[in-house]
Amino acid sequence: MLVLLIIFLVTAPLMQQGMDVDLPETNTQPLRVRDAPLILTVKKDGQYYLGRKQVAAEKLQGKLEAVFEARGSKEIFLRADRNAPYGVVVKAMAAARLAGAKKLGIVTEPER
């Protein structure tokens, strides 16, 4: 049991879903989530990722609709690089809303 506990403690921080992006910093409180969240990442080069899979901009809404239908939950978290173009981030938010997202959270880093 101790070995399993140690393995879990070491691997748990590595299980974060999504791509590596430079998140903006804010002084908001962390959200509590029940299930593994659906994460939409916008990289600074304007590429979209659902989890770790890249999705073309024109297919984003359709992919989100399929994921929402399969999951049942229509909650999504947006991780946008601080240097991502504003228009690309807004398009991601619009695609999520048009796909039926009921809750859209924006992921940030705590201010230092």
N, C-alpha and C. Protein backbone atom coordinates (compact mmCIF):
# COMPACT_ATOMS: atom_id res chain seq x y z
N MET A 1 0.83 -1.20 0.00
CA MET A 1 0.00 0.00 0.00
C MET A 1 0.86 1.25 0.00
N LEU A 2 1.93 1.23 0.74
CA LEU A 2 2.80 2.40 0.81
C LEU A 2 3.42 2.71 -0.55
N VAL A 3 3.80 1.66 -1.26
CA VAL A 3 4.38 1.85 -2.59
C VAL A 3 3.36 2.48 -3.53
N LEU A 4 2.12 1.99 -3.49
CA LEU A 4 1.07 2.57 -4.33
C LEU A 4 0.81 4.03 -3.98
N LEU A 5 0.82 4.33 -2.70
CA LEU A 5 0.63 5.70 -2.26
C LEU A 5 1.74 6.61 -2.79
N ILE A 6 2.97 6.15 -2.70
CA ILE A 6 4.10 6.94 -3.20
C ILE A 6 4.00 7.14 -4.70
N ILE A 7 3.64 6.08 -5.43
CA ILE A 7 3.49 6.19 -6.88
C ILE A 7 2.41 7.20 -7.23
N PHE A 8 1.29 7.15 -6.52
CA PHE A 8 0.21 8.10 -6.78
C PHE A 8 0.66 9.53 -6.50
N LEU A 9 1.36 9.74 -5.38
CA LEU A 9 1.80 11.08 -5.04
C LEU A 9 2.79 11.65 -6.06
N VAL A 10 3.58 10.78 -6.65
CA VAL A 10 4.56 11.24 -7.64
C VAL A 10 3.90 11.49 -8.98
N THR A 11 2.97 10.64 -9.39
CA THR A 11 2.37 10.75 -10.72
C THR A 11 1.18 11.70 -10.80
N ALA A 12 0.51 11.99 -9.71
CA ALA A 12 -0.69 12.83 -9.74
C ALA A 12 -0.42 14.22 -10.35
N PRO A 13 0.66 14.90 -10.01
CA PRO A 13 0.88 16.20 -10.64
C PRO A 13 1.14 16.11 -12.14
N LEU A 14 1.57 14.97 -12.62
CA LEU A 14 1.86 14.80 -14.04
C LEU A 14 0.63 14.50 -14.86
N MET A 15 -0.50 14.26 -14.22
CA MET A 15 -1.71 13.86 -14.92
C MET A 15 -2.54 15.04 -15.40
N GLN A 16 -2.02 16.24 -15.35
CA GLN A 16 -2.77 17.41 -15.81
C GLN A 16 -3.01 17.29 -17.31
N GLN A 17 -4.25 17.50 -17.71
CA GLN A 17 -4.64 17.38 -19.10
C GLN A 17 -4.37 18.68 -19.83
N GLY A 18 -4.00 18.60 -21.11
CA GLY A 18 -3.83 19.79 -21.92
C GLY A 18 -2.40 20.01 -22.34
N MET A 19 -2.21 21.07 -23.07
CA MET A 19 -0.90 21.41 -23.60
C MET A 19 -0.23 22.44 -22.69
N ASP A 20 1.08 22.59 -22.84
CA ASP A 20 1.83 23.54 -22.04
C ASP A 20 1.68 24.94 -22.65
N VAL A 21 1.06 25.84 -21.91
CA VAL A 21 0.88 27.22 -22.37
C VAL A 21 1.26 28.17 -21.24
N ASP A 22 1.56 29.40 -21.59
CA ASP A 22 1.91 30.44 -20.64
C ASP A 22 0.62 31.15 -20.24
N LEU A 23 0.04 30.74 -19.11
CA LEU A 23 -1.26 31.26 -18.68
C LEU A 23 -1.14 32.63 -18.03
N PRO A 24 -2.16 33.48 -18.19
CA PRO A 24 -2.16 34.76 -17.49
C PRO A 24 -2.34 34.54 -15.99
N GLU A 25 -1.91 35.49 -15.20
CA GLU A 25 -2.01 35.39 -13.74
C GLU A 25 -3.16 36.26 -13.23
N THR A 26 -3.94 35.71 -12.27
CA THR A 26 -5.03 36.46 -11.64
C THR A 26 -5.06 36.12 -10.16
N ASN A 27 -5.88 36.82 -9.42
CA ASN A 27 -6.01 36.54 -7.99
C ASN A 27 -7.38 35.95 -7.67
N THR A 28 -7.88 35.06 -8.52
CA THR A 28 -9.18 34.43 -8.31
C THR A 28 -9.03 33.15 -7.48
N GLN A 29 -10.14 32.68 -6.96
CA GLN A 29 -10.15 31.45 -6.17
C GLN A 29 -10.24 30.23 -7.09
N PRO A 30 -9.61 29.11 -6.75
CA PRO A 30 -9.71 27.91 -7.60
C PRO A 30 -11.12 27.34 -7.59
N LEU A 31 -11.51 26.73 -8.72
CA LEU A 31 -12.82 26.09 -8.83
C LEU A 31 -12.74 24.65 -8.38
N ARG A 32 -13.82 24.15 -7.84
CA ARG A 32 -13.91 22.74 -7.46
C ARG A 32 -14.62 21.99 -8.58
N VAL A 33 -14.03 20.90 -9.06
CA VAL A 33 -14.63 20.10 -10.13
C VAL A 33 -14.82 18.67 -9.64
N ARG A 34 -15.92 18.04 -10.09
CA ARG A 34 -16.22 16.67 -9.68
C ARG A 34 -15.55 15.65 -10.57
N ASP A 35 -15.69 15.78 -11.87
CA ASP A 35 -15.14 14.83 -12.82
C ASP A 35 -13.93 15.43 -13.51
N ALA A 36 -13.24 14.61 -14.29
CA ALA A 36 -12.13 15.13 -15.07
C ALA A 36 -12.67 16.17 -16.04
N PRO A 37 -12.15 17.38 -16.00
CA PRO A 37 -12.70 18.44 -16.84
C PRO A 37 -12.30 18.30 -18.30
N LEU A 38 -13.14 18.82 -19.18
CA LEU A 38 -12.83 18.92 -20.59
C LEU A 38 -12.08 20.22 -20.77
N ILE A 39 -10.86 20.12 -21.33
CA ILE A 39 -10.01 21.31 -21.46
C ILE A 39 -9.75 21.62 -22.92
N LEU A 40 -10.08 22.85 -23.30
CA LEU A 40 -9.79 23.37 -24.64
C LEU A 40 -8.62 24.33 -24.50
N THR A 41 -7.53 24.04 -25.21
CA THR A 41 -6.32 24.85 -25.12
C THR A 41 -6.14 25.65 -26.40
N VAL A 42 -5.78 26.91 -26.25
CA VAL A 42 -5.44 27.76 -27.38
C VAL A 42 -3.97 28.14 -27.21
N LYS A 43 -3.13 27.72 -28.13
CA LYS A 43 -1.71 28.03 -28.06
C LYS A 43 -1.44 29.40 -28.69
N LYS A 44 -0.28 29.96 -28.43
CA LYS A 44 0.02 31.31 -28.92
C LYS A 44 0.10 31.39 -30.44
N ASP A 45 0.29 30.23 -31.11
CA ASP A 45 0.31 30.24 -32.57
C ASP A 45 -1.09 30.09 -33.17
N GLY A 46 -2.13 30.06 -32.30
CA GLY A 46 -3.50 30.01 -32.77
C GLY A 46 -4.05 28.60 -32.96
N GLN A 47 -3.31 27.58 -32.56
CA GLN A 47 -3.76 26.19 -32.70
C GLN A 47 -4.68 25.83 -31.53
N TYR A 48 -5.70 24.99 -31.83
CA TYR A 48 -6.64 24.52 -30.82
C TYR A 48 -6.34 23.07 -30.47
N TYR A 49 -6.51 22.73 -29.18
CA TYR A 49 -6.32 21.37 -28.72
C TYR A 49 -7.45 21.01 -27.76
N LEU A 50 -8.03 19.83 -27.96
CA LEU A 50 -8.98 19.26 -27.00
C LEU A 50 -8.19 18.18 -26.28
N GLY A 51 -7.93 18.38 -25.00
CA GLY A 51 -7.00 17.49 -24.31
C GLY A 51 -5.63 17.69 -24.92
N ARG A 52 -5.08 16.63 -25.49
CA ARG A 52 -3.77 16.72 -26.14
C ARG A 52 -3.87 16.56 -27.66
N LYS A 53 -5.09 16.49 -28.18
CA LYS A 53 -5.28 16.31 -29.62
C LYS A 53 -5.58 17.63 -30.31
N GLN A 54 -4.81 17.90 -31.35
CA GLN A 54 -5.01 19.13 -32.11
C GLN A 54 -6.29 19.02 -32.93
N VAL A 55 -7.03 20.13 -32.98
CA VAL A 55 -8.30 20.18 -33.72
C VAL A 55 -8.24 21.40 -34.64
N ALA A 56 -8.60 21.20 -35.90
CA ALA A 56 -8.65 22.30 -36.85
C ALA A 56 -9.77 23.27 -36.46
N ALA A 57 -9.56 24.55 -36.71
CA ALA A 57 -10.53 25.59 -36.32
C ALA A 57 -11.91 25.32 -36.90
N GLU A 58 -11.97 24.88 -38.16
CA GLU A 58 -13.27 24.66 -38.80
C GLU A 58 -13.99 23.42 -38.26
N LYS A 59 -13.30 22.54 -37.56
CA LYS A 59 -13.91 21.32 -37.01
C LYS A 59 -14.14 21.41 -35.51
N LEU A 60 -13.73 22.51 -34.89
CA LEU A 60 -13.80 22.63 -33.43
C LEU A 60 -15.22 22.50 -32.89
N GLN A 61 -16.16 23.23 -33.45
CA GLN A 61 -17.54 23.19 -32.96
C GLN A 61 -18.12 21.78 -33.07
N GLY A 62 -17.91 21.12 -34.20
CA GLY A 62 -18.43 19.76 -34.38
C GLY A 62 -17.83 18.77 -33.39
N LYS A 63 -16.52 18.89 -33.14
CA LYS A 63 -15.87 18.00 -32.16
C LYS A 63 -16.42 18.25 -30.77
N LEU A 64 -16.61 19.52 -30.42
CA LEU A 64 -17.15 19.84 -29.10
C LEU A 64 -18.58 19.31 -28.95
N GLU A 65 -19.39 19.44 -29.99
CA GLU A 65 -20.76 18.91 -29.94
C GLU A 65 -20.73 17.41 -29.67
N ALA A 66 -19.85 16.68 -30.36
CA ALA A 66 -19.75 15.23 -30.18
C ALA A 66 -19.28 14.88 -28.77
N VAL A 67 -18.32 15.63 -28.26
CA VAL A 67 -17.81 15.37 -26.91
C VAL A 67 -18.88 15.65 -25.87
N PHE A 68 -19.60 16.77 -26.01
CA PHE A 68 -20.66 17.10 -25.06
C PHE A 68 -21.75 16.03 -25.06
N GLU A 69 -22.09 15.55 -26.24
CA GLU A 69 -23.12 14.51 -26.34
C GLU A 69 -22.67 13.22 -25.65
N ALA A 70 -21.41 12.86 -25.83
CA ALA A 70 -20.89 11.63 -25.24
C ALA A 70 -20.72 11.76 -23.72
N ARG A 71 -20.31 12.92 -23.24
CA ARG A 71 -20.04 13.12 -21.82
C ARG A 71 -21.31 13.37 -21.01
N GLY A 72 -22.27 14.00 -21.61
CA GLY A 72 -23.45 14.39 -20.86
C GLY A 72 -23.27 15.74 -20.18
N SER A 73 -22.06 16.02 -19.69
CA SER A 73 -21.75 17.30 -19.06
C SER A 73 -21.37 18.31 -20.14
N LYS A 74 -21.89 19.50 -20.01
CA LYS A 74 -21.60 20.55 -20.99
C LYS A 74 -20.77 21.65 -20.34
N GLU A 75 -19.75 21.21 -19.62
CA GLU A 75 -18.85 22.12 -18.92
C GLU A 75 -17.47 22.02 -19.57
N ILE A 76 -16.82 23.16 -19.81
CA ILE A 76 -15.52 23.17 -20.48
C ILE A 76 -14.64 24.24 -19.84
N PHE A 77 -13.35 23.95 -19.82
CA PHE A 77 -12.37 24.91 -19.33
C PHE A 77 -11.48 25.34 -20.48
N LEU A 78 -11.25 26.65 -20.59
CA LEU A 78 -10.44 27.22 -21.66
C LEU A 78 -9.08 27.62 -21.09
N ARG A 79 -8.02 27.05 -21.66
CA ARG A 79 -6.64 27.41 -21.30
C ARG A 79 -6.05 28.13 -22.50
N ALA A 80 -5.94 29.43 -22.42
CA ALA A 80 -5.42 30.21 -23.54
C ALA A 80 -4.09 30.83 -23.15
N ASP A 81 -3.10 30.67 -24.00
CA ASP A 81 -1.80 31.28 -23.79
C ASP A 81 -1.98 32.80 -23.72
N ARG A 82 -1.25 33.44 -22.83
CA ARG A 82 -1.38 34.90 -22.68
C ARG A 82 -1.02 35.64 -23.96
N ASN A 83 -0.24 35.01 -24.84
CA ASN A 83 0.18 35.65 -26.09
C ASN A 83 -0.66 35.21 -27.29
N ALA A 84 -1.72 34.45 -27.04
CA ALA A 84 -2.60 34.03 -28.14
C ALA A 84 -3.39 35.24 -28.64
N PRO A 85 -3.60 35.33 -29.94
CA PRO A 85 -4.39 36.45 -30.47
C PRO A 85 -5.81 36.45 -29.89
N TYR A 86 -6.28 37.62 -29.53
CA TYR A 86 -7.60 37.79 -28.93
C TYR A 86 -8.70 37.14 -29.79
N GLY A 87 -8.64 37.37 -31.09
CA GLY A 87 -9.66 36.84 -31.99
C GLY A 87 -9.71 35.32 -31.99
N VAL A 88 -8.57 34.68 -31.86
CA VAL A 88 -8.52 33.21 -31.84
C VAL A 88 -9.17 32.68 -30.55
N VAL A 89 -8.91 33.36 -29.45
CA VAL A 89 -9.51 32.96 -28.16
C VAL A 89 -11.02 33.16 -28.20
N VAL A 90 -11.48 34.27 -28.75
CA VAL A 90 -12.92 34.54 -28.85
C VAL A 90 -13.60 33.51 -29.74
N LYS A 91 -12.94 33.11 -30.83
CA LYS A 91 -13.50 32.08 -31.70
C LYS A 91 -13.64 30.75 -30.96
N ALA A 92 -12.69 30.42 -30.09
CA ALA A 92 -12.78 29.20 -29.30
C ALA A 92 -13.97 29.27 -28.34
N MET A 93 -14.15 30.43 -27.71
CA MET A 93 -15.28 30.60 -26.79
C MET A 93 -16.61 30.51 -27.54
N ALA A 94 -16.67 31.11 -28.72
CA ALA A 94 -17.90 31.07 -29.53
C ALA A 94 -18.20 29.66 -29.98
N ALA A 95 -17.17 28.91 -30.38
CA ALA A 95 -17.39 27.52 -30.81
C ALA A 95 -17.92 26.68 -29.66
N ALA A 96 -17.41 26.92 -28.45
CA ALA A 96 -17.89 26.18 -27.27
C ALA A 96 -19.35 26.51 -27.00
N ARG A 97 -19.70 27.78 -27.06
CA ARG A 97 -21.09 28.19 -26.80
C ARG A 97 -22.03 27.64 -27.87
N LEU A 98 -21.62 27.71 -29.14
CA LEU A 98 -22.46 27.20 -30.22
C LEU A 98 -22.60 25.68 -30.15
N ALA A 99 -21.61 25.01 -29.59
CA ALA A 99 -21.67 23.55 -29.44
C ALA A 99 -22.57 23.14 -28.28
N GLY A 100 -22.96 24.11 -27.45
CA GLY A 100 -23.89 23.82 -26.36
C GLY A 100 -23.30 23.90 -24.98
N ALA A 101 -22.12 24.47 -24.82
CA ALA A 101 -21.51 24.58 -23.49
C ALA A 101 -22.40 25.41 -22.57
N LYS A 102 -22.66 24.87 -21.40
CA LYS A 102 -23.47 25.58 -20.40
C LYS A 102 -22.59 26.35 -19.43
N LYS A 103 -21.38 25.82 -19.16
CA LYS A 103 -20.43 26.49 -18.28
C LYS A 103 -19.09 26.55 -18.99
N LEU A 104 -18.49 27.73 -18.99
CA LEU A 104 -17.20 27.94 -19.62
C LEU A 104 -16.29 28.61 -18.60
N GLY A 105 -15.30 27.88 -18.12
CA GLY A 105 -14.34 28.42 -17.16
C GLY A 105 -13.04 28.75 -17.87
N ILE A 106 -12.36 29.78 -17.39
CA ILE A 106 -11.08 30.18 -17.96
C ILE A 106 -9.99 29.88 -16.94
N VAL A 107 -8.99 29.11 -17.38
CA VAL A 107 -7.91 28.68 -16.50
C VAL A 107 -6.82 29.75 -16.48
N THR A 108 -6.37 30.10 -15.27
CA THR A 108 -5.30 31.08 -15.09
C THR A 108 -4.31 30.56 -14.06
N GLU A 109 -3.20 31.24 -13.91
CA GLU A 109 -2.21 30.96 -12.86
C GLU A 109 -2.45 31.96 -11.73
N PRO A 110 -2.17 31.55 -10.47
CA PRO A 110 -2.28 32.52 -9.38
C PRO A 110 -1.22 33.62 -9.50
N GLU A 111 -1.58 34.84 -9.10
CA GLU A 111 -0.61 35.93 -9.13
C GLU A 111 0.47 35.68 -8.10
N ARG A 112 1.67 36.12 -8.43
CA ARG A 112 2.78 35.93 -7.50
C ARG A 112 3.06 37.18 -6.73
